Amino acid sequence: MVHRRREAHPHHCAYLDEAPARHGIEVLLSGSLTSDSGQAMRGSFFLLDAPDRAAIEALFAADPLGAADDWQSRSVSAVTIRQNRMG
């Protein structure tokens, strides 16, 4: 799996540079989920502004990392914003 991820990662990054806009999605924040030490990657986090769940599912279904079968699971949740100090 590590080999497939390493191979797909540049394609994943290029995809995320252009694909969200095609799906009507704005990536507000994204990054790796890591262990407390930051040494081990545990997953990915995306905070998205999207028209609906279908757009998000379509975005990630076509992502090269998904095609490389790198994700063991995905979770999509709506958020009700209570505080926002990001700007």
N, C-alpha and C. Protein backbone atom coordinates (compact mmCIF):
# COMPACT_ATOMS: atom_id res chain seq x y z
N MET A 1 0.82 -1.19 0.00
CA MET A 1 0.00 0.00 0.00
C MET A 1 0.87 1.26 0.00
N VAL A 2 1.98 1.26 0.72
CA VAL A 2 2.85 2.43 0.79
C VAL A 2 3.37 2.78 -0.60
N HIS A 3 3.74 1.76 -1.37
CA HIS A 3 4.24 1.99 -2.73
C HIS A 3 3.17 2.64 -3.60
N ARG A 4 1.93 2.11 -3.54
CA ARG A 4 0.83 2.69 -4.33
C ARG A 4 0.57 4.13 -3.91
N ARG A 5 0.61 4.40 -2.61
CA ARG A 5 0.37 5.75 -2.12
C ARG A 5 1.47 6.69 -2.62
N ARG A 6 2.71 6.27 -2.51
CA ARG A 6 3.83 7.11 -2.97
C ARG A 6 3.69 7.42 -4.45
N GLU A 7 3.30 6.44 -5.23
CA GLU A 7 3.12 6.62 -6.67
C GLU A 7 1.96 7.55 -6.99
N ALA A 8 0.86 7.43 -6.26
CA ALA A 8 -0.35 8.21 -6.53
C ALA A 8 -0.32 9.61 -5.94
N HIS A 9 0.54 9.86 -4.96
CA HIS A 9 0.50 11.13 -4.22
C HIS A 9 0.66 12.36 -5.10
N PRO A 10 1.63 12.42 -6.05
CA PRO A 10 1.73 13.62 -6.88
C PRO A 10 0.48 13.85 -7.72
N HIS A 11 -0.15 12.77 -8.17
CA HIS A 11 -1.38 12.87 -8.96
C HIS A 11 -2.53 13.36 -8.07
N HIS A 12 -2.54 12.91 -6.82
CA HIS A 12 -3.53 13.34 -5.84
C HIS A 12 -3.42 14.86 -5.61
N CYS A 13 -2.19 15.34 -5.42
CA CYS A 13 -1.98 16.77 -5.18
C CYS A 13 -2.41 17.60 -6.39
N ALA A 14 -2.05 17.17 -7.58
CA ALA A 14 -2.45 17.88 -8.80
C ALA A 14 -3.97 17.87 -8.95
N TYR A 15 -4.59 16.73 -8.64
CA TYR A 15 -6.05 16.61 -8.72
C TYR A 15 -6.71 17.61 -7.77
N LEU A 16 -6.20 17.71 -6.54
CA LEU A 16 -6.81 18.62 -5.56
C LEU A 16 -6.57 20.08 -5.89
N ASP A 17 -5.62 20.37 -6.76
CA ASP A 17 -5.41 21.75 -7.20
C ASP A 17 -6.51 22.23 -8.14
N GLU A 18 -7.13 21.29 -8.89
CA GLU A 18 -8.11 21.72 -9.89
C GLU A 18 -9.50 21.10 -9.75
N ALA A 19 -9.59 19.93 -9.21
CA ALA A 19 -10.87 19.21 -9.22
C ALA A 19 -11.96 19.77 -8.32
N PRO A 20 -11.67 20.26 -7.12
CA PRO A 20 -12.76 20.74 -6.27
C PRO A 20 -13.65 21.78 -6.96
N ALA A 21 -13.06 22.73 -7.66
CA ALA A 21 -13.84 23.78 -8.33
C ALA A 21 -14.79 23.18 -9.37
N ARG A 22 -14.35 22.12 -10.05
CA ARG A 22 -15.23 21.46 -11.04
C ARG A 22 -16.46 20.86 -10.39
N HIS A 23 -16.35 20.52 -9.11
CA HIS A 23 -17.46 19.92 -8.37
C HIS A 23 -18.22 20.97 -7.55
N GLY A 24 -17.85 22.25 -7.71
CA GLY A 24 -18.51 23.30 -6.95
C GLY A 24 -18.09 23.32 -5.49
N ILE A 25 -16.90 22.83 -5.19
CA ILE A 25 -16.40 22.69 -3.82
C ILE A 25 -15.23 23.63 -3.59
N GLU A 26 -15.22 24.24 -2.42
CA GLU A 26 -14.06 25.02 -1.99
C GLU A 26 -13.40 24.29 -0.82
N VAL A 27 -12.10 24.03 -0.95
CA VAL A 27 -11.35 23.42 0.15
C VAL A 27 -10.94 24.55 1.09
N LEU A 28 -11.51 24.56 2.29
CA LEU A 28 -11.22 25.59 3.27
C LEU A 28 -9.96 25.27 4.06
N LEU A 29 -9.74 23.98 4.32
CA LEU A 29 -8.61 23.54 5.12
C LEU A 29 -8.39 22.07 4.83
N SER A 30 -7.14 21.68 4.68
CA SER A 30 -6.85 20.25 4.52
C SER A 30 -5.47 19.97 5.09
N GLY A 31 -5.25 18.73 5.45
CA GLY A 31 -3.94 18.34 5.96
C GLY A 31 -3.94 16.90 6.43
N SER A 32 -2.78 16.45 6.82
CA SER A 32 -2.62 15.07 7.29
C SER A 32 -3.00 14.96 8.76
N LEU A 33 -3.64 13.88 9.10
CA LEU A 33 -3.88 13.52 10.50
C LEU A 33 -2.69 12.67 10.92
N THR A 34 -2.06 13.02 12.03
CA THR A 34 -0.85 12.32 12.44
C THR A 34 -0.94 11.88 13.89
N SER A 35 0.02 11.08 14.26
CA SER A 35 0.17 10.75 15.68
C SER A 35 0.56 12.03 16.41
N ASP A 36 0.49 12.02 17.73
CA ASP A 36 0.84 13.21 18.52
C ASP A 36 2.26 13.69 18.22
N SER A 37 3.16 12.78 17.93
CA SER A 37 4.55 13.15 17.65
C SER A 37 4.70 13.72 16.24
N GLY A 38 3.69 13.50 15.39
CA GLY A 38 3.78 13.95 14.01
C GLY A 38 4.57 13.02 13.12
N GLN A 39 5.04 11.91 13.65
CA GLN A 39 5.89 10.99 12.90
C GLN A 39 5.10 9.99 12.05
N ALA A 40 3.89 9.64 12.48
CA ALA A 40 3.11 8.62 11.76
C ALA A 40 1.84 9.25 11.21
N MET A 41 1.63 9.07 9.90
CA MET A 41 0.40 9.58 9.29
C MET A 41 -0.73 8.61 9.58
N ARG A 42 -1.88 9.17 9.98
CA ARG A 42 -3.03 8.35 10.33
C ARG A 42 -4.20 8.56 9.40
N GLY A 43 -4.13 9.57 8.54
CA GLY A 43 -5.23 9.84 7.63
C GLY A 43 -5.16 11.26 7.11
N SER A 44 -6.28 11.72 6.59
CA SER A 44 -6.37 13.06 6.02
C SER A 44 -7.59 13.76 6.57
N PHE A 45 -7.54 15.08 6.58
CA PHE A 45 -8.66 15.90 7.04
C PHE A 45 -8.95 16.95 5.99
N PHE A 46 -10.21 17.11 5.67
CA PHE A 46 -10.66 18.15 4.75
C PHE A 46 -11.84 18.88 5.36
N LEU A 47 -11.78 20.19 5.37
CA LEU A 47 -12.92 21.03 5.71
C LEU A 47 -13.35 21.66 4.39
N LEU A 48 -14.53 21.30 3.93
CA LEU A 48 -14.99 21.68 2.61
C LEU A 48 -16.26 22.51 2.68
N ASP A 49 -16.41 23.43 1.75
CA ASP A 49 -17.68 24.12 1.53
C ASP A 49 -18.21 23.53 0.23
N ALA A 50 -19.26 22.75 0.33
CA ALA A 50 -19.77 22.00 -0.82
C ALA A 50 -21.28 22.15 -0.92
N PRO A 51 -21.81 22.04 -2.14
CA PRO A 51 -23.26 22.19 -2.31
C PRO A 51 -24.06 21.04 -1.68
N ASP A 52 -23.46 19.84 -1.65
CA ASP A 52 -24.15 18.69 -1.08
C ASP A 52 -23.19 17.51 -0.94
N ARG A 53 -23.66 16.47 -0.28
CA ARG A 53 -22.86 15.27 -0.06
C ARG A 53 -22.48 14.59 -1.38
N ALA A 54 -23.36 14.62 -2.35
CA ALA A 54 -23.08 13.97 -3.64
C ALA A 54 -21.85 14.59 -4.31
N ALA A 55 -21.69 15.90 -4.21
CA ALA A 55 -20.52 16.55 -4.80
C ALA A 55 -19.24 16.08 -4.11
N ILE A 56 -19.29 15.94 -2.79
CA ILE A 56 -18.12 15.47 -2.04
C ILE A 56 -17.79 14.03 -2.42
N GLU A 57 -18.79 13.19 -2.47
CA GLU A 57 -18.58 11.79 -2.85
C GLU A 57 -17.99 11.69 -4.25
N ALA A 58 -18.49 12.51 -5.18
CA ALA A 58 -17.96 12.50 -6.56
C ALA A 58 -16.51 12.97 -6.58
N LEU A 59 -16.19 14.00 -5.81
CA LEU A 59 -14.82 14.50 -5.75
C LEU A 59 -13.86 13.40 -5.31
N PHE A 60 -14.16 12.74 -4.20
CA PHE A 60 -13.24 11.75 -3.67
C PHE A 60 -13.28 10.43 -4.42
N ALA A 61 -14.36 10.12 -5.09
CA ALA A 61 -14.42 8.89 -5.90
C ALA A 61 -13.43 8.94 -7.05
N ALA A 62 -13.16 10.13 -7.56
CA ALA A 62 -12.25 10.28 -8.70
C ALA A 62 -10.82 10.62 -8.27
N ASP A 63 -10.57 10.76 -6.98
CA ASP A 63 -9.23 11.12 -6.50
C ASP A 63 -8.26 9.96 -6.76
N PRO A 64 -7.06 10.26 -7.27
CA PRO A 64 -6.08 9.20 -7.53
C PRO A 64 -5.73 8.34 -6.31
N LEU A 65 -5.75 8.90 -5.11
CA LEU A 65 -5.48 8.06 -3.94
C LEU A 65 -6.60 7.06 -3.71
N GLY A 66 -7.82 7.47 -3.97
CA GLY A 66 -8.94 6.52 -3.87
C GLY A 66 -8.83 5.43 -4.91
N ALA A 67 -8.43 5.82 -6.12
CA ALA A 67 -8.26 4.84 -7.19
C ALA A 67 -7.12 3.87 -6.87
N ALA A 68 -6.13 4.34 -6.11
CA ALA A 68 -5.02 3.47 -5.70
C ALA A 68 -5.42 2.59 -4.52
N ASP A 69 -6.69 2.69 -4.11
CA ASP A 69 -7.23 1.90 -3.00
C ASP A 69 -6.46 2.18 -1.71
N ASP A 70 -6.12 3.45 -1.52
CA ASP A 70 -5.32 3.82 -0.36
C ASP A 70 -6.17 4.05 0.89
N TRP A 71 -7.45 4.35 0.72
CA TRP A 71 -8.29 4.69 1.86
C TRP A 71 -9.00 3.45 2.39
N GLN A 72 -8.83 3.19 3.68
CA GLN A 72 -9.54 2.08 4.30
C GLN A 72 -10.98 2.47 4.59
N SER A 73 -11.19 3.75 4.87
CA SER A 73 -12.54 4.23 5.14
C SER A 73 -12.60 5.73 4.89
N ARG A 74 -13.81 6.22 4.71
CA ARG A 74 -14.05 7.66 4.57
C ARG A 74 -15.26 8.00 5.41
N SER A 75 -15.25 9.20 5.96
CA SER A 75 -16.39 9.66 6.73
C SER A 75 -16.69 11.09 6.31
N VAL A 76 -17.95 11.36 6.00
CA VAL A 76 -18.39 12.70 5.63
C VAL A 76 -19.44 13.12 6.64
N SER A 77 -19.24 14.29 7.24
CA SER A 77 -20.19 14.80 8.23
C SER A 77 -20.47 16.26 7.98
N ALA A 78 -21.71 16.65 8.18
CA ALA A 78 -22.07 18.06 8.14
C ALA A 78 -21.64 18.70 9.45
N VAL A 79 -21.41 20.00 9.42
CA VAL A 79 -20.98 20.73 10.61
C VAL A 79 -21.84 21.97 10.78
N THR A 80 -22.32 22.19 11.98
CA THR A 80 -22.96 23.45 12.32
C THR A 80 -21.90 24.29 13.03
N ILE A 81 -21.52 25.40 12.42
CA ILE A 81 -20.44 26.22 12.95
C ILE A 81 -20.93 27.05 14.13
N ARG A 82 -20.27 26.91 15.25
CA ARG A 82 -20.59 27.66 16.46
C ARG A 82 -19.59 28.80 16.66
N GLN A 83 -18.34 28.53 16.36
CA GLN A 83 -17.28 29.55 16.46
C GLN A 83 -16.39 29.42 15.24
N ASN A 84 -15.90 30.56 14.77
CA ASN A 84 -14.96 30.55 13.65
C ASN A 84 -13.99 31.70 13.85
N ARG A 85 -12.79 31.36 14.22
CA ARG A 85 -11.75 32.37 14.43
C ARG A 85 -10.67 32.27 13.36
N MET A 86 -11.02 31.64 12.24
CA MET A 86 -10.04 31.44 11.18
C MET A 86 -9.92 32.66 10.26
N GLY A 87 -10.79 33.61 10.39
CA GLY A 87 -10.67 34.82 9.55
C GLY A 87 -11.84 35.14 8.72
